[in-house]
Amino acid sequence: MGEVRTRLVGFALVLGGVFASAYTLGERLPGHRHSHSHTVDTRAYQLSPEPDGTYTLRGVNGRALTSFQLDHQARIHLIAVRPDLSRMVHEHPTPAADGSFTVPLPDAGPWRVFAEALPSGSPTVVVGRTDVGLDRPFTRVPLPPAHPTATITAGGDSITVTRHGLQFAVDAPRPIEPYLGQPAHLILIGAADDSYHHLHPTSSGHGHLSFDPAGLPAGTYAAFLQFTYAGSVVTVPMTVDWA
């Protein structure tokens, strides 16, 4: 009996080792999207307004994308920012059967809008961009200087976020919680060129979030860190000077 138990334990350990090796390999495979970051070329796709007031993601051939996979618990991730990068909105419209969807914005603009999606059968996220209401007047706010800390209030608590590079430490009375299947999301918009970067943590725990900066060009960015706290989504804006 003891010999059988020993063999079973040994088999379990071997199986566990095989699983761990397979999981590690899977994390490194191209296209694996569990927690890696992605930066995409927004010139390859267009977010096109339609006559009925909806919008459609179209490729360079003008063909509409009509079917989307769930990607981080949503089929469309809509990111809208003011032209001065002073405000960001993250919404999740539901596409119709023809691929069209509404763009839920708080007001008529101005907004720079990015629609991010994972087409059915594709391993690659695509992003289309359009501008909404750029002719509308608004008071431009200068992007604040880069600073290593930011303090906000959420759930009645004061939360301080400290940044070192693209590593963030969240000091709060209660634990932060995942948002859309990830420990956190980091949206970076280039101040000089409106480049779009959507990053997910490569490691996290105990309020610490680490993002991989590989492929991020040097420049100044408006950064929006998002996570859930006390049951509500929290957005922490910061300015990042990346060298």
C-alpha atoms as a PDB file:
ATOM      1  CA  MET A   1       0.000   0.000   0.000  1.00  0.00           C
ATOM      2  CA  GLY A   2       2.835   2.352   0.878  1.00  0.00           C
ATOM      3  CA  GLU A   3       4.512   1.616  -2.455  1.00  0.00           C
ATOM      4  CA  VAL A   4       1.289   2.407  -4.359  1.00  0.00           C
ATOM      5  CA  ARG A   5       0.878   5.683  -2.455  1.00  0.00           C
ATOM      6  CA  THR A   6       4.478   6.614  -3.244  1.00  0.00           C
ATOM      7  CA  ARG A   7       3.942   5.928  -6.943  1.00  0.00           C
ATOM      8  CA  LEU A   8       0.737   8.011  -6.984  1.00  0.00           C
ATOM      9  CA  VAL A   9       2.451  10.946  -5.297  1.00  0.00           C
ATOM     10  CA  GLY A  10       5.342  10.691  -7.746  1.00  0.00           C
ATOM     11  CA  PHE A  11       2.924  10.624 -10.694  1.00  0.00           C
ATOM     12  CA  ALA A  12       1.096  13.699  -9.349  1.00  0.00           C
ATOM     13  CA  LEU A  13       4.370  15.579  -9.019  1.00  0.00           C
ATOM     14  CA  VAL A  14       5.390  14.695 -12.568  1.00  0.00           C
ATOM     15  CA  LEU A  15       1.974  15.689 -13.895  1.00  0.00           C
ATOM     16  CA  GLY A  16       2.148  18.959 -11.999  1.00  0.00           C
ATOM     17  CA  GLY A  17       5.574  19.645 -13.467  1.00  0.00           C
ATOM     18  CA  VAL A  18       4.337  18.935 -17.000  1.00  0.00           C
ATOM     19  CA  PHE A  19       1.360  21.257 -16.465  1.00  0.00           C
ATOM     20  CA  ALA A  20       3.568  24.021 -15.093  1.00  0.00           C
ATOM     21  CA  SER A  21       5.963  23.697 -18.037  1.00  0.00           C
ATOM     22  CA  ALA A  22       3.100  23.751 -20.533  1.00  0.00           C
ATOM     23  CA  TYR A  23       1.557  26.799 -18.843  1.00  0.00           C
ATOM     24  CA  THR A  24       4.870  28.673 -18.880  1.00  0.00           C
ATOM     25  CA  LEU A  25       5.350  27.839 -22.562  1.00  0.00           C
ATOM     26  CA  GLY A  26       1.812  28.978 -23.308  1.00  0.00           C
ATOM     27  CA  GLU A  27       2.472  32.309 -21.613  1.00  0.00           C
ATOM     28  CA  ARG A  28       5.398  32.855 -24.009  1.00  0.00           C
ATOM     29  CA  LEU A  29       3.704  31.796 -27.231  1.00  0.00           C
ATOM     30  CA  PRO A  30       3.059  34.569 -29.784  1.00  0.00           C
ATOM     31  CA  GLY A  31      -0.522  35.754 -29.602  1.00  0.00           C
ATOM     32  CA  HIS A  32      -1.134  34.533 -26.058  1.00  0.00           C
ATOM     33  CA  ARG A  33      -3.178  37.276 -24.434  1.00  0.00           C
ATOM     34  CA  HIS A  34      -3.594  36.271 -20.792  1.00  0.00           C
ATOM     35  CA  SER A  35      -1.754  39.221 -19.293  1.00  0.00           C
ATOM     36  CA  HIS A  36       0.555  40.664 -21.892  1.00  0.00           C
ATOM     37  CA  SER A  37       0.417  44.185 -23.247  1.00  0.00           C
ATOM     38  CA  HIS A  38      -0.423  45.171 -26.763  1.00  0.00           C
ATOM     39  CA  THR A  39       0.419  48.192 -28.858  1.00  0.00           C
ATOM     40  CA  VAL A  40      -1.370  48.346 -32.187  1.00  0.00           C
ATOM     41  CA  ASP A  41      -1.138  50.316 -35.418  1.00  0.00           C
ATOM     42  CA  THR A  42      -4.293  52.415 -35.548  1.00  0.00           C
ATOM     43  CA  ARG A  43      -3.634  53.333 -39.202  1.00  0.00           C
ATOM     44  CA  ALA A  44      -4.597  49.857 -40.449  1.00  0.00           C
ATOM     45  CA  TYR A  45      -8.245  50.138 -39.374  1.00  0.00           C
ATOM     46  CA  GLN A  46     -10.869  52.856 -39.364  1.00  0.00           C
ATOM     47  CA  LEU A  47     -13.693  53.626 -36.979  1.00  0.00           C
ATOM     48  CA  SER A  48     -16.264  54.858 -39.478  1.00  0.00           C
ATOM     49  CA  PRO A  49     -19.437  56.817 -38.680  1.00  0.00           C
ATOM     50  CA  GLU A  50     -22.577  55.469 -40.365  1.00  0.00           C
ATOM     51  CA  PRO A  51     -25.625  57.456 -41.586  1.00  0.00           C
ATOM     52  CA  ASP A  52     -27.792  56.106 -38.739  1.00  0.00           C
ATOM     53  CA  GLY A  53     -25.429  57.492 -36.083  1.00  0.00           C
ATOM     54  CA  THR A  54     -23.689  54.193 -35.316  1.00  0.00           C
ATOM     55  CA  TYR A  55     -20.041  53.340 -35.974  1.00  0.00           C
ATOM     56  CA  THR A  56     -18.297  50.442 -37.699  1.00  0.00           C
ATOM     57  CA  LEU A  57     -14.757  49.106 -37.567  1.00  0.00           C
ATOM     58  CA  ARG A  58     -13.419  48.785 -41.113  1.00  0.00           C
ATOM     59  CA  GLY A  59     -10.160  47.460 -42.519  1.00  0.00           C
ATOM     60  CA  VAL A  60      -7.943  49.156 -45.109  1.00  0.00           C
ATOM     61  CA  ASN A  61     -10.093  47.509 -47.802  1.00  0.00           C
ATOM     62  CA  GLY A  62     -13.150  49.296 -46.418  1.00  0.00           C
ATOM     63  CA  ARG A  63     -14.812  46.039 -45.425  1.00  0.00           C
ATOM     64  CA  ALA A  64     -16.722  46.123 -42.146  1.00  0.00           C
ATOM     65  CA  LEU A  65     -15.802  43.769 -39.324  1.00  0.00           C
ATOM     66  CA  THR A  66     -19.021  42.042 -38.311  1.00  0.00           C
ATOM     67  CA  SER A  67     -18.132  39.451 -35.661  1.00  0.00           C
ATOM     68  CA  PHE A  68     -15.994  39.747 -32.549  1.00  0.00           C
ATOM     69  CA  GLN A  69     -14.651  37.440 -29.860  1.00  0.00           C
ATOM     70  CA  LEU A  70     -14.902  38.275 -26.198  1.00  0.00           C
ATOM     71  CA  ASP A  71     -11.676  40.002 -25.217  1.00  0.00           C
ATOM     72  CA  HIS A  72     -11.279  40.739 -21.511  1.00  0.00           C
ATOM     73  CA  GLN A  73     -15.000  40.241 -20.968  1.00  0.00           C
ATOM     74  CA  ALA A  74     -16.124  42.606 -23.761  1.00  0.00           C
ATOM     75  CA  ARG A  75     -16.464  42.524 -27.551  1.00  0.00           C
ATOM     76  CA  ILE A  76     -15.660  46.215 -28.008  1.00  0.00           C
ATOM     77  CA  HIS A  77     -13.426  48.332 -25.780  1.00  0.00           C
ATOM     78  CA  LEU A  78     -14.128  51.981 -26.496  1.00  0.00           C
ATOM     79  CA  ILE A  79     -11.543  54.465 -25.225  1.00  0.00           C
ATOM     80  CA  ALA A  80     -12.320  58.164 -25.665  1.00  0.00           C
ATOM     81  CA  VAL A  81     -10.004  60.993 -24.616  1.00  0.00           C
ATOM     82  CA  ARG A  82     -10.249  64.759 -24.767  1.00  0.00           C
ATOM     83  CA  PRO A  83      -7.850  66.266 -27.328  1.00  0.00           C
ATOM     84  CA  ASP A  84      -5.827  67.750 -24.445  1.00  0.00           C
ATOM     85  CA  LEU A  85      -5.794  64.292 -22.737  1.00  0.00           C
ATOM     86  CA  SER A  86      -7.388  65.735 -19.611  1.00  0.00           C
ATOM     87  CA  ARG A  87     -10.118  63.077 -19.455  1.00  0.00           C
ATOM     88  CA  MET A  88     -10.598  59.447 -20.479  1.00  0.00           C
ATOM     89  CA  VAL A  89     -13.735  57.320 -20.849  1.00  0.00           C
ATOM     90  CA  HIS A  90     -13.676  53.496 -21.123  1.00  0.00           C
ATOM     91  CA  GLU A  91     -16.962  51.963 -22.340  1.00  0.00           C
ATOM     92  CA  HIS A  92     -18.103  48.629 -23.819  1.00  0.00           C
ATOM     93  CA  PRO A  93     -20.795  48.964 -26.502  1.00  0.00           C
ATOM     94  CA  THR A  94     -22.495  45.829 -27.836  1.00  0.00           C
ATOM     95  CA  PRO A  95     -22.116  45.342 -31.602  1.00  0.00           C
ATOM     96  CA  ALA A  96     -25.166  44.514 -33.716  1.00  0.00           C
ATOM     97  CA  ALA A  97     -25.278  41.598 -36.170  1.00  0.00           C
ATOM     98  CA  ASP A  98     -23.750  43.797 -38.899  1.00  0.00           C
ATOM     99  CA  GLY A  99     -20.883  44.817 -36.596  1.00  0.00           C
ATOM    100  CA  SER A 100     -22.124  48.364 -36.003  1.00  0.00           C
ATOM    101  CA  PHE A 101     -22.350  49.830 -32.516  1.00  0.00           C
ATOM    102  CA  THR A 102     -23.129  53.071 -30.761  1.00  0.00           C
ATOM    103  CA  VAL A 103     -20.424  55.220 -29.220  1.00  0.00           C
ATOM    104  CA  PRO A 104     -21.603  56.021 -25.682  1.00  0.00           C
ATOM    105  CA  LEU A 105     -19.986  59.348 -24.816  1.00  0.00           C
ATOM    106  CA  PRO A 106     -20.802  61.644 -21.889  1.00  0.00           C
ATOM    107  CA  ASP A 107     -21.290  64.632 -24.204  1.00  0.00           C
ATOM    108  CA  ALA A 108     -20.997  65.768 -27.823  1.00  0.00           C
ATOM    109  CA  GLY A 109     -17.263  66.320 -27.679  1.00  0.00           C
ATOM    110  CA  PRO A 110     -14.632  67.005 -28.553  1.00  0.00           C
ATOM    111  CA  TRP A 111     -13.295  63.442 -28.256  1.00  0.00           C
ATOM    112  CA  ARG A 112     -10.635  61.301 -29.875  1.00  0.00           C
ATOM    113  CA  VAL A 113     -12.151  57.826 -29.948  1.00  0.00           C
ATOM    114  CA  PHE A 114     -10.357  54.469 -30.166  1.00  0.00           C
ATOM    115  CA  ALA A 115     -12.337  51.234 -30.644  1.00  0.00           C
ATOM    116  CA  GLU A 116     -10.412  48.071 -29.764  1.00  0.00           C
ATOM    117  CA  ALA A 117     -11.676  44.600 -30.683  1.00  0.00           C
ATOM    118  CA  LEU A 118     -10.637  41.027 -31.401  1.00  0.00           C
ATOM    119  CA  PRO A 119     -12.301  39.894 -34.658  1.00  0.00           C
ATOM    120  CA  SER A 120     -13.663  36.355 -34.731  1.00  0.00           C
ATOM    121  CA  GLY A 121     -11.018  33.885 -35.897  1.00  0.00           C
ATOM    122  CA  SER A 122      -8.194  36.377 -35.434  1.00  0.00           C
ATOM    123  CA  PRO A 123      -5.377  36.137 -32.861  1.00  0.00           C
ATOM    124  CA  THR A 124      -4.692  39.858 -33.158  1.00  0.00           C
ATOM    125  CA  VAL A 125      -6.416  42.829 -31.578  1.00  0.00           C
ATOM    126  CA  VAL A 126      -7.320  45.667 -33.956  1.00  0.00           C
ATOM    127  CA  VAL A 127      -7.946  49.314 -33.165  1.00  0.00           C
ATOM    128  CA  GLY A 128      -9.749  51.930 -35.203  1.00  0.00           C
ATOM    129  CA  ARG A 129      -9.825  55.646 -34.483  1.00  0.00           C
ATOM    130  CA  THR A 130     -12.091  58.566 -35.231  1.00  0.00           C
ATOM    131  CA  ASP A 131     -12.699  62.072 -33.928  1.00  0.00           C
ATOM    132  CA  VAL A 132     -16.021  63.281 -32.565  1.00  0.00           C
ATOM    133  CA  GLY A 133     -17.076  66.911 -32.164  1.00  0.00           C
ATOM    134  CA  LEU A 134     -13.629  68.438 -32.710  1.00  0.00           C
ATOM    135  CA  ASP A 135     -15.323  71.615 -33.956  1.00  0.00           C
ATOM    136  CA  ARG A 136     -16.959  72.143 -30.578  1.00  0.00           C
ATOM    137  CA  PRO A 137     -15.317  74.701 -28.277  1.00  0.00           C
ATOM    138  CA  PHE A 138     -13.717  73.579 -25.035  1.00  0.00           C
ATOM    139  CA  THR A 139     -11.214  74.949 -22.585  1.00  0.00           C
ATOM    140  CA  ARG A 140      -7.885  73.216 -23.144  1.00  0.00           C
ATOM    141  CA  VAL A 141      -6.077  72.130 -19.972  1.00  0.00           C
ATOM    142  CA  PRO A 142      -2.281  71.705 -20.096  1.00  0.00           C
ATOM    143  CA  LEU A 143      -1.039  68.191 -19.366  1.00  0.00           C
ATOM    144  CA  PRO A 144       0.319  68.234 -15.805  1.00  0.00           C
ATOM    145  CA  PRO A 145       4.055  67.620 -15.308  1.00  0.00           C
ATOM    146  CA  ALA A 146       5.072  64.037 -14.622  1.00  0.00           C
ATOM    147  CA  HIS A 147       4.969  63.259 -10.908  1.00  0.00           C
ATOM    148  CA  PRO A 148       5.673  59.977  -9.111  1.00  0.00           C
ATOM    149  CA  THR A 149       2.501  60.048  -6.975  1.00  0.00           C
ATOM    150  CA  ALA A 150      -1.204  60.665  -7.399  1.00  0.00           C
ATOM    151  CA  THR A 151      -3.938  60.733  -4.753  1.00  0.00           C
ATOM    152  CA  ILE A 152      -7.626  60.143  -5.401  1.00  0.00           C
ATOM    153  CA  THR A 153     -10.710  59.384  -3.322  1.00  0.00           C
ATOM    154  CA  ALA A 154     -12.758  56.234  -3.972  1.00  0.00           C
ATOM    155  CA  GLY A 155     -15.257  54.341  -1.837  1.00  0.00           C
ATOM    156  CA  GLY A 156     -14.862  57.018   0.816  1.00  0.00           C
ATOM    157  CA  ASP A 157     -11.139  56.190   1.123  1.00  0.00           C
ATOM    158  CA  SER A 158      -8.021  58.117   0.182  1.00  0.00           C
ATOM    159  CA  ILE A 159      -5.880  56.142  -2.283  1.00  0.00           C
ATOM    160  CA  THR A 160      -2.276  57.024  -3.108  1.00  0.00           C
ATOM    161  CA  VAL A 161      -0.591  55.595  -6.197  1.00  0.00           C
ATOM    162  CA  THR A 162       3.189  55.758  -6.448  1.00  0.00           C
ATOM    163  CA  ARG A 163       4.863  55.162  -9.800  1.00  0.00           C
ATOM    164  CA  HIS A 164       8.413  54.113 -10.641  1.00  0.00           C
ATOM    165  CA  GLY A 165       8.771  53.616 -14.373  1.00  0.00           C
ATOM    166  CA  LEU A 166       5.762  51.481 -15.233  1.00  0.00           C
ATOM    167  CA  GLN A 167       5.549  49.909 -11.802  1.00  0.00           C
ATOM    168  CA  PHE A 168       2.748  51.142  -9.564  1.00  0.00           C
ATOM    169  CA  ALA A 169       2.170  50.738  -5.833  1.00  0.00           C
ATOM    170  CA  VAL A 170      -1.401  51.331  -4.654  1.00  0.00           C
ATOM    171  CA  ASP A 171      -1.683  52.342  -0.995  1.00  0.00           C
ATOM    172  CA  ALA A 172      -5.303  51.978   0.117  1.00  0.00           C
ATOM    173  CA  PRO A 173      -7.195  50.819   3.237  1.00  0.00           C
ATOM    174  CA  ARG A 174      -8.777  47.963   1.270  1.00  0.00           C
ATOM    175  CA  PRO A 175      -7.380  45.646  -1.409  1.00  0.00           C
ATOM    176  CA  ILE A 176      -7.760  46.590  -5.057  1.00  0.00           C
ATOM    177  CA  GLU A 177      -9.748  44.153  -7.205  1.00  0.00           C
ATOM    178  CA  PRO A 178      -9.495  42.991 -10.846  1.00  0.00           C
ATOM    179  CA  TYR A 179     -11.194  44.876 -13.664  1.00  0.00           C
ATOM    180  CA  LEU A 180     -12.366  43.072 -16.818  1.00  0.00           C
ATOM    181  CA  GLY A 181     -10.480  39.909 -15.969  1.00  0.00           C
ATOM    182  CA  GLN A 182      -7.157  41.638 -15.308  1.00  0.00           C
ATOM    183  CA  PRO A 183      -5.589  42.912 -12.069  1.00  0.00           C
ATOM    184  CA  ALA A 184      -5.546  46.352 -13.729  1.00  0.00           C
ATOM    185  CA  HIS A 185      -5.448  48.102 -17.099  1.00  0.00           C
ATOM    186  CA  LEU A 186      -3.091  50.877 -18.149  1.00  0.00           C
ATOM    187  CA  ILE A 187      -4.077  53.111 -21.068  1.00  0.00           C
ATOM    188  CA  LEU A 188      -1.289  55.297 -22.466  1.00  0.00           C
ATOM    189  CA  ILE A 189      -1.969  58.031 -25.047  1.00  0.00           C
ATOM    190  CA  GLY A 190       0.998  59.802 -26.627  1.00  0.00           C
ATOM    191  CA  ALA A 191       0.927  63.545 -26.001  1.00  0.00           C
ATOM    192  CA  ALA A 192       2.733  64.306 -29.271  1.00  0.00           C
ATOM    193  CA  ASP A 193       1.105  61.830 -31.655  1.00  0.00           C
ATOM    194  CA  ASP A 194      -2.024  60.389 -29.964  1.00  0.00           C
ATOM    195  CA  SER A 195      -0.476  56.906 -30.147  1.00  0.00           C
ATOM    196  CA  TYR A 196      -2.549  54.302 -28.341  1.00  0.00           C
ATOM    197  CA  HIS A 197      -1.159  51.682 -25.957  1.00  0.00           C
ATOM    198  CA  HIS A 198      -3.197  49.286 -23.792  1.00  0.00           C
ATOM    199  CA  LEU A 199      -1.147  47.371 -21.221  1.00  0.00           C
ATOM    200  CA  HIS A 200      -1.941  44.674 -18.670  1.00  0.00           C
ATOM    201  CA  PRO A 201       0.205  43.753 -15.657  1.00  0.00           C
ATOM    202  CA  THR A 202       2.918  41.155 -16.108  1.00  0.00           C
ATOM    203  CA  SER A 203       2.953  40.732 -12.320  1.00  0.00           C
ATOM    204  CA  SER A 204       0.744  41.901  -9.474  1.00  0.00           C
ATOM    205  CA  GLY A 205       0.038  41.366  -5.815  1.00  0.00           C
ATOM    206  CA  HIS A 206      -0.498  43.242  -2.557  1.00  0.00           C
ATOM    207  CA  GLY A 207      -1.258  46.496  -4.370  1.00  0.00           C
ATOM    208  CA  HIS A 208       1.800  46.303  -6.642  1.00  0.00           C
ATOM    209  CA  LEU A 209       1.299  46.349 -10.418  1.00  0.00           C
ATOM    210  CA  SER A 210       4.136  45.914 -12.909  1.00  0.00           C
ATOM    211  CA  PHE A 211       3.688  46.601 -16.641  1.00  0.00           C
ATOM    212  CA  ASP A 212       6.102  45.594 -19.402  1.00  0.00           C
ATOM    213  CA  PRO A 213       7.352  48.706 -21.265  1.00  0.00           C
ATOM    214  CA  ALA A 214       8.856  46.719 -24.166  1.00  0.00           C
ATOM    215  CA  GLY A 215       8.164  48.507 -27.440  1.00  0.00           C
ATOM    216  CA  LEU A 216       6.956  51.724 -25.820  1.00  0.00           C
ATOM    217  CA  PRO A 217       8.618  54.621 -27.692  1.00  0.00           C
ATOM    218  CA  ALA A 218      10.218  57.457 -25.758  1.00  0.00           C
ATOM    219  CA  GLY A 219       7.919  60.381 -25.144  1.00  0.00           C
ATOM    220  CA  THR A 220       5.343  61.962 -22.870  1.00  0.00           C
ATOM    221  CA  TYR A 221       2.113  60.088 -22.236  1.00  0.00           C
ATOM    222  CA  ALA A 222      -1.173  60.638 -20.487  1.00  0.00           C
ATOM    223  CA  ALA A 223      -1.525  57.461 -18.413  1.00  0.00           C
ATOM    224  CA  PHE A 224      -4.820  56.163 -17.022  1.00  0.00           C
ATOM    225  CA  LEU A 225      -4.514  53.302 -14.522  1.00  0.00           C
ATOM    226  CA  GLN A 226      -7.787  51.424 -13.959  1.00  0.00           C
ATOM    227  CA  PHE A 227      -8.770  48.843 -11.358  1.00  0.00           C
ATOM    228  CA  THR A 228     -11.766  48.030  -9.175  1.00  0.00           C
ATOM    229  CA  TYR A 229     -11.993  49.321  -5.624  1.00  0.00           C
ATOM    230  CA  ALA A 230     -14.874  48.802  -3.203  1.00  0.00           C
ATOM    231  CA  GLY A 231     -16.981  47.478  -6.089  1.00  0.00           C
ATOM    232  CA  SER A 232     -16.470  50.458  -8.422  1.00  0.00           C
ATOM    233  CA  VAL A 233     -14.072  51.084 -11.291  1.00  0.00           C
ATOM    234  CA  VAL A 234     -11.363  53.588 -10.385  1.00  0.00           C
ATOM    235  CA  THR A 235      -9.336  55.610 -12.893  1.00  0.00           C
ATOM    236  CA  VAL A 236      -6.074  57.189 -11.782  1.00  0.00           C
ATOM    237  CA  PRO A 237      -4.647  59.749 -14.256  1.00  0.00           C
ATOM    238  CA  MET A 238      -0.916  60.419 -14.324  1.00  0.00           C
ATOM    239  CA  THR A 239       1.600  61.948 -16.715  1.00  0.00           C
ATOM    240  CA  VAL A 240       4.488  59.708 -17.732  1.00  0.00           C
ATOM    241  CA  ASP A 241       7.760  60.896 -19.291  1.00  0.00           C
ATOM    242  CA  TRP A 242       9.203  57.760 -20.850  1.00  0.00           C
ATOM    243  CA  ALA A 243      12.836  57.877 -21.962  1.00  0.00           C
END
